[in-house]
Amino acid sequence: MDNEIEKQLIEESKTNPQSFERLYIKYYEQILKFVYKRVESLDDTKRYYIHRFYKSIK
């Protein structure tokens, strides 16, 4: 995904959940790994990630 398409998806995701879903799918694994390295608990990582995801779509 190039930067222009990604910027467009970010803007669209503010009003279109399908655009947000594409970004979520693209970055899910990277973000999960990043958080896991810091908390070292898969359960805590998933809870944190779900919480942050929920806040981002509100």
PDB file of N, CA and C in Angstrom:
ATOM      1  N   MET A   1       0.870  -1.173   0.000  1.00  0.00           N
ATOM      2  CA  MET A   1       0.000   0.000   0.000  1.00  0.00           C
ATOM      3  C   MET A   1       0.914   1.232   0.000  1.00  0.00           C
ATOM      4  N   ASP A   2       0.719   2.104  -0.962  1.00  0.00           N
ATOM      5  CA  ASP A   2       1.576   3.295  -0.986  1.00  0.00           C
ATOM      6  C   ASP A   2       1.018   4.381  -0.066  1.00  0.00           C
ATOM      7  N   ASN A   3       1.822   5.396   0.174  1.00  0.00           N
ATOM      8  CA  ASN A   3       1.460   6.439   1.146  1.00  0.00           C
ATOM      9  C   ASN A   3       0.183   7.188   0.791  1.00  0.00           C
ATOM     10  N   GLU A   4      -0.020   7.459  -0.477  1.00  0.00           N
ATOM     11  CA  GLU A   4      -1.219   8.205  -0.882  1.00  0.00           C
ATOM     12  C   GLU A   4      -2.488   7.390  -0.621  1.00  0.00           C
ATOM     13  N   ILE A   5      -2.433   6.122  -0.938  1.00  0.00           N
ATOM     14  CA  ILE A   5      -3.595   5.255  -0.693  1.00  0.00           C
ATOM     15  C   ILE A   5      -3.838   5.154   0.813  1.00  0.00           C
ATOM     16  N   GLU A   6      -2.770   5.024   1.564  1.00  0.00           N
ATOM     17  CA  GLU A   6      -2.906   4.923   3.013  1.00  0.00           C
ATOM     18  C   GLU A   6      -3.487   6.209   3.603  1.00  0.00           C
ATOM     19  N   LYS A   7      -3.027   7.350   3.148  1.00  0.00           N
ATOM     20  CA  LYS A   7      -3.576   8.630   3.616  1.00  0.00           C
ATOM     21  C   LYS A   7      -5.061   8.740   3.290  1.00  0.00           C
ATOM     22  N   GLN A   8      -5.414   8.290   2.109  1.00  0.00           N
ATOM     23  CA  GLN A   8      -6.814   8.314   1.699  1.00  0.00           C
ATOM     24  C   GLN A   8      -7.648   7.392   2.595  1.00  0.00           C
ATOM     25  N   LEU A   9      -7.127   6.213   2.889  1.00  0.00           N
ATOM     26  CA  LEU A   9      -7.841   5.282   3.772  1.00  0.00           C
ATOM     27  C   LEU A   9      -8.011   5.868   5.169  1.00  0.00           C
ATOM     28  N   ILE A  10      -7.004   6.543   5.647  1.00  0.00           N
ATOM     29  CA  ILE A  10      -7.093   7.168   6.970  1.00  0.00           C
ATOM     30  C   ILE A  10      -8.212   8.195   6.984  1.00  0.00           C
ATOM     31  N   GLU A  11      -8.278   9.014   5.968  1.00  0.00           N
ATOM     32  CA  GLU A  11      -9.342  10.019   5.894  1.00  0.00           C
ATOM     33  C   GLU A  11     -10.713   9.359   5.764  1.00  0.00           C
ATOM     34  N   GLU A  12     -10.807   8.372   4.906  1.00  0.00           N
ATOM     35  CA  GLU A  12     -12.083   7.677   4.703  1.00  0.00           C
ATOM     36  C   GLU A  12     -12.523   6.930   5.957  1.00  0.00           C
ATOM     37  N   SER A  13     -11.565   6.430   6.708  1.00  0.00           N
ATOM     38  CA  SER A  13     -11.902   5.625   7.877  1.00  0.00           C
ATOM     39  C   SER A  13     -12.618   6.431   8.960  1.00  0.00           C
ATOM     40  N   LYS A  14     -12.526   7.728   8.887  1.00  0.00           N
ATOM     41  CA  LYS A  14     -13.219   8.574   9.855  1.00  0.00           C
ATOM     42  C   LYS A  14     -14.730   8.470   9.716  1.00  0.00           C
ATOM     43  N   THR A  15     -15.179   8.094   8.523  1.00  0.00           N
ATOM     44  CA  THR A  15     -16.618   7.979   8.285  1.00  0.00           C
ATOM     45  C   THR A  15     -17.037   6.620   7.714  1.00  0.00           C
ATOM     46  N   ASN A  16     -16.058   5.815   7.309  1.00  0.00           N
ATOM     47  CA  ASN A  16     -16.371   4.550   6.646  1.00  0.00           C
ATOM     48  C   ASN A  16     -15.650   3.395   7.357  1.00  0.00           C
ATOM     49  N   PRO A  17     -16.378   2.573   8.084  1.00  0.00           N
ATOM     50  CA  PRO A  17     -15.763   1.462   8.814  1.00  0.00           C
ATOM     51  C   PRO A  17     -14.995   0.475   7.932  1.00  0.00           C
ATOM     52  N   GLN A  18     -15.394   0.306   6.690  1.00  0.00           N
ATOM     53  CA  GLN A  18     -14.682  -0.618   5.809  1.00  0.00           C
ATOM     54  C   GLN A  18     -13.262  -0.139   5.525  1.00  0.00           C
ATOM     55  N   SER A  19     -13.081   1.157   5.420  1.00  0.00           N
ATOM     56  CA  SER A  19     -11.739   1.698   5.219  1.00  0.00           C
ATOM     57  C   SER A  19     -10.890   1.458   6.461  1.00  0.00           C
ATOM     58  N   PHE A  20     -11.512   1.652   7.614  1.00  0.00           N
ATOM     59  CA  PHE A  20     -10.789   1.402   8.865  1.00  0.00           C
ATOM     60  C   PHE A  20     -10.403  -0.065   8.969  1.00  0.00           C
ATOM     61  N   GLU A  21     -11.273  -0.931   8.532  1.00  0.00           N
ATOM     62  CA  GLU A  21     -10.995  -2.365   8.584  1.00  0.00           C
ATOM     63  C   GLU A  21      -9.742  -2.708   7.778  1.00  0.00           C
ATOM     64  N   ARG A  22      -9.576  -2.097   6.636  1.00  0.00           N
ATOM     65  CA  ARG A  22      -8.381  -2.358   5.816  1.00  0.00           C
ATOM     66  C   ARG A  22      -7.115  -1.949   6.558  1.00  0.00           C
ATOM     67  N   LEU A  23      -7.161  -0.811   7.229  1.00  0.00           N
ATOM     68  CA  LEU A  23      -6.001  -0.365   8.009  1.00  0.00           C
ATOM     69  C   LEU A  23      -5.759  -1.297   9.194  1.00  0.00           C
ATOM     70  N   TYR A  24      -6.828  -1.686   9.856  1.00  0.00           N
ATOM     71  CA  TYR A  24      -6.742  -2.591  11.002  1.00  0.00           C
ATOM     72  C   TYR A  24      -6.073  -3.898  10.594  1.00  0.00           C
ATOM     73  N   ILE A  25      -6.529  -4.465   9.500  1.00  0.00           N
ATOM     74  CA  ILE A  25      -5.970  -5.727   9.015  1.00  0.00           C
ATOM     75  C   ILE A  25      -4.498  -5.566   8.647  1.00  0.00           C
ATOM     76  N   LYS A  26      -4.171  -4.465   8.022  1.00  0.00           N
ATOM     77  CA  LYS A  26      -2.785  -4.237   7.600  1.00  0.00           C
ATOM     78  C   LYS A  26      -1.843  -4.148   8.800  1.00  0.00           C
ATOM     79  N   TYR A  27      -2.242  -3.461   9.840  1.00  0.00           N
ATOM     80  CA  TYR A  27      -1.342  -3.186  10.952  1.00  0.00           C
ATOM     81  C   TYR A  27      -1.537  -4.066  12.184  1.00  0.00           C
ATOM     82  N   TYR A  28      -2.517  -4.919  12.180  1.00  0.00           N
ATOM     83  CA  TYR A  28      -2.839  -5.731  13.358  1.00  0.00           C
ATOM     84  C   TYR A  28      -1.607  -6.454  13.914  1.00  0.00           C
ATOM     85  N   GLU A  29      -0.966  -7.221  13.088  1.00  0.00           N
ATOM     86  CA  GLU A  29       0.144  -8.044  13.557  1.00  0.00           C
ATOM     87  C   GLU A  29       1.314  -7.193  14.052  1.00  0.00           C
ATOM     88  N   GLN A  30       1.642  -6.142  13.335  1.00  0.00           N
ATOM     89  CA  GLN A  30       2.744  -5.265  13.752  1.00  0.00           C
ATOM     90  C   GLN A  30       2.473  -4.633  15.109  1.00  0.00           C
ATOM     91  N   ILE A  31       1.287  -4.145  15.293  1.00  0.00           N
ATOM     92  CA  ILE A  31       0.947  -3.473  16.546  1.00  0.00           C
ATOM     93  C   ILE A  31       0.885  -4.486  17.691  1.00  0.00           C
ATOM     94  N   LEU A  32       0.312  -5.628  17.424  1.00  0.00           N
ATOM     95  CA  LEU A  32       0.234  -6.662  18.455  1.00  0.00           C
ATOM     96  C   LEU A  32       1.637  -7.070  18.927  1.00  0.00           C
ATOM     97  N   LYS A  33       2.547  -7.255  18.002  1.00  0.00           N
ATOM     98  CA  LYS A  33       3.924  -7.607  18.357  1.00  0.00           C
ATOM     99  C   LYS A  33       4.587  -6.494  19.167  1.00  0.00           C
ATOM    100  N   PHE A  34       4.376  -5.270  18.753  1.00  0.00           N
ATOM    101  CA  PHE A  34       4.954  -4.123  19.452  1.00  0.00           C
ATOM    102  C   PHE A  34       4.478  -4.082  20.905  1.00  0.00           C
ATOM    103  N   VAL A  35       3.192  -4.217  21.109  1.00  0.00           N
ATOM    104  CA  VAL A  35       2.629  -4.169  22.462  1.00  0.00           C
ATOM    105  C   VAL A  35       3.099  -5.376  23.272  1.00  0.00           C
ATOM    106  N   TYR A  36       3.095  -6.541  22.657  1.00  0.00           N
ATOM    107  CA  TYR A  36       3.492  -7.761  23.369  1.00  0.00           C
ATOM    108  C   TYR A  36       4.923  -7.661  23.899  1.00  0.00           C
ATOM    109  N   LYS A  37       5.814  -7.079  23.129  1.00  0.00           N
ATOM    110  CA  LYS A  37       7.206  -6.936  23.572  1.00  0.00           C
ATOM    111  C   LYS A  37       7.311  -6.102  24.838  1.00  0.00           C
ATOM    112  N   ARG A  38       6.360  -5.225  25.048  1.00  0.00           N
ATOM    113  CA  ARG A  38       6.412  -4.350  26.215  1.00  0.00           C
ATOM    114  C   ARG A  38       5.688  -4.925  27.441  1.00  0.00           C
ATOM    115  N   VAL A  39       4.639  -5.675  27.209  1.00  0.00           N
ATOM    116  CA  VAL A  39       3.875  -6.187  28.357  1.00  0.00           C
ATOM    117  C   VAL A  39       4.130  -7.663  28.637  1.00  0.00           C
ATOM    118  N   GLU A  40       4.617  -8.396  27.657  1.00  0.00           N
ATOM    119  CA  GLU A  40       5.003  -9.803  27.791  1.00  0.00           C
ATOM    120  C   GLU A  40       3.896 -10.720  28.294  1.00  0.00           C
ATOM    121  N   SER A  41       2.683 -10.348  28.040  1.00  0.00           N
ATOM    122  CA  SER A  41       1.541 -11.199  28.378  1.00  0.00           C
ATOM    123  C   SER A  41       0.557 -11.113  27.209  1.00  0.00           C
ATOM    124  N   LEU A  42       0.293 -12.234  26.605  1.00  0.00           N
ATOM    125  CA  LEU A  42      -0.595 -12.235  25.445  1.00  0.00           C
ATOM    126  C   LEU A  42      -2.002 -11.776  25.808  1.00  0.00           C
ATOM    127  N   ASP A  43      -2.498 -12.205  26.957  1.00  0.00           N
ATOM    128  CA  ASP A  43      -3.833 -11.784  27.394  1.00  0.00           C
ATOM    129  C   ASP A  43      -3.899 -10.271  27.591  1.00  0.00           C
ATOM    130  N   ASP A  44      -2.905  -9.707  28.282  1.00  0.00           N
ATOM    131  CA  ASP A  44      -2.869  -8.256  28.489  1.00  0.00           C
ATOM    132  C   ASP A  44      -2.724  -7.516  27.170  1.00  0.00           C
ATOM    133  N   THR A  45      -1.913  -8.068  26.290  1.00  0.00           N
ATOM    134  CA  THR A  45      -1.705  -7.450  24.982  1.00  0.00           C
ATOM    135  C   THR A  45      -3.021  -7.375  24.218  1.00  0.00           C
ATOM    136  N   LYS A  46      -3.748  -8.465  24.188  1.00  0.00           N
ATOM    137  CA  LYS A  46      -5.018  -8.489  23.460  1.00  0.00           C
ATOM    138  C   LYS A  46      -6.043  -7.555  24.093  1.00  0.00           C
ATOM    139  N   ARG A  47      -6.089  -7.524  25.421  1.00  0.00           N
ATOM    140  CA  ARG A  47      -7.017  -6.607  26.094  1.00  0.00           C
ATOM    141  C   ARG A  47      -6.688  -5.155  25.757  1.00  0.00           C
ATOM    142  N   TYR A  48      -5.409  -4.836  25.839  1.00  0.00           N
ATOM    143  CA  TYR A  48      -4.977  -3.473  25.524  1.00  0.00           C
ATOM    144  C   TYR A  48      -5.317  -3.128  24.081  1.00  0.00           C
ATOM    145  N   TYR A  49      -5.010  -4.051  23.184  1.00  0.00           N
ATOM    146  CA  TYR A  49      -5.242  -3.816  21.760  1.00  0.00           C
ATOM    147  C   TYR A  49      -6.730  -3.620  21.477  1.00  0.00           C
ATOM    148  N   ILE A  50      -7.556  -4.458  22.036  1.00  0.00           N
ATOM    149  CA  ILE A  50      -9.011  -4.340  21.839  1.00  0.00           C
ATOM    150  C   ILE A  50      -9.509  -3.004  22.389  1.00  0.00           C
ATOM    151  N   HIS A  51      -9.016  -2.647  23.555  1.00  0.00           N
ATOM    152  CA  HIS A  51      -9.407  -1.368  24.166  1.00  0.00           C
ATOM    153  C   HIS A  51      -9.021  -0.193  23.265  1.00  0.00           C
ATOM    154  N   ARG A  52      -7.796  -0.198  22.761  1.00  0.00           N
ATOM    155  CA  ARG A  52      -7.326   0.901  21.898  1.00  0.00           C
ATOM    156  C   ARG A  52      -8.115   0.914  20.577  1.00  0.00           C
ATOM    157  N   PHE A  53      -8.362  -0.247  20.030  1.00  0.00           N
ATOM    158  CA  PHE A  53      -9.123  -0.332  18.783  1.00  0.00           C
ATOM    159  C   PHE A  53     -10.520   0.245  18.994  1.00  0.00           C
ATOM    160  N   TYR A  54     -11.151  -0.141  20.086  1.00  0.00           N
ATOM    161  CA  TYR A  54     -12.490   0.360  20.387  1.00  0.00           C
ATOM    162  C   TYR A  54     -12.482   1.887  20.504  1.00  0.00           C
ATOM    163  N   LYS A  55     -11.498   2.435  21.194  1.00  0.00           N
ATOM    164  CA  LYS A  55     -11.420   3.885  21.351  1.00  0.00           C
ATOM    165  C   LYS A  55     -11.194   4.581  20.010  1.00  0.00           C
ATOM    166  N   SER A  56     -10.454   3.945  19.130  1.00  0.00           N
ATOM    167  CA  SER A  56     -10.155   4.585  17.844  1.00  0.00           C
ATOM    168  C   SER A  56     -11.376   4.670  16.933  1.00  0.00           C
ATOM    169  N   ILE A  57     -12.339   3.785  17.117  1.00  0.00           N
ATOM    170  CA  ILE A  57     -13.509   3.831  16.247  1.00  0.00           C
ATOM    171  C   ILE A  57     -14.664   4.636  16.856  1.00  0.00           C
ATOM    172  N   LYS A  58     -14.524   5.096  18.074  1.00  0.00           N
ATOM    173  CA  LYS A  58     -15.562   5.906  18.704  1.00  0.00           C
ATOM    174  C   LYS A  58     -15.533   7.314  18.172  1.00  0.00           C
TER     175      LYS A  58
END
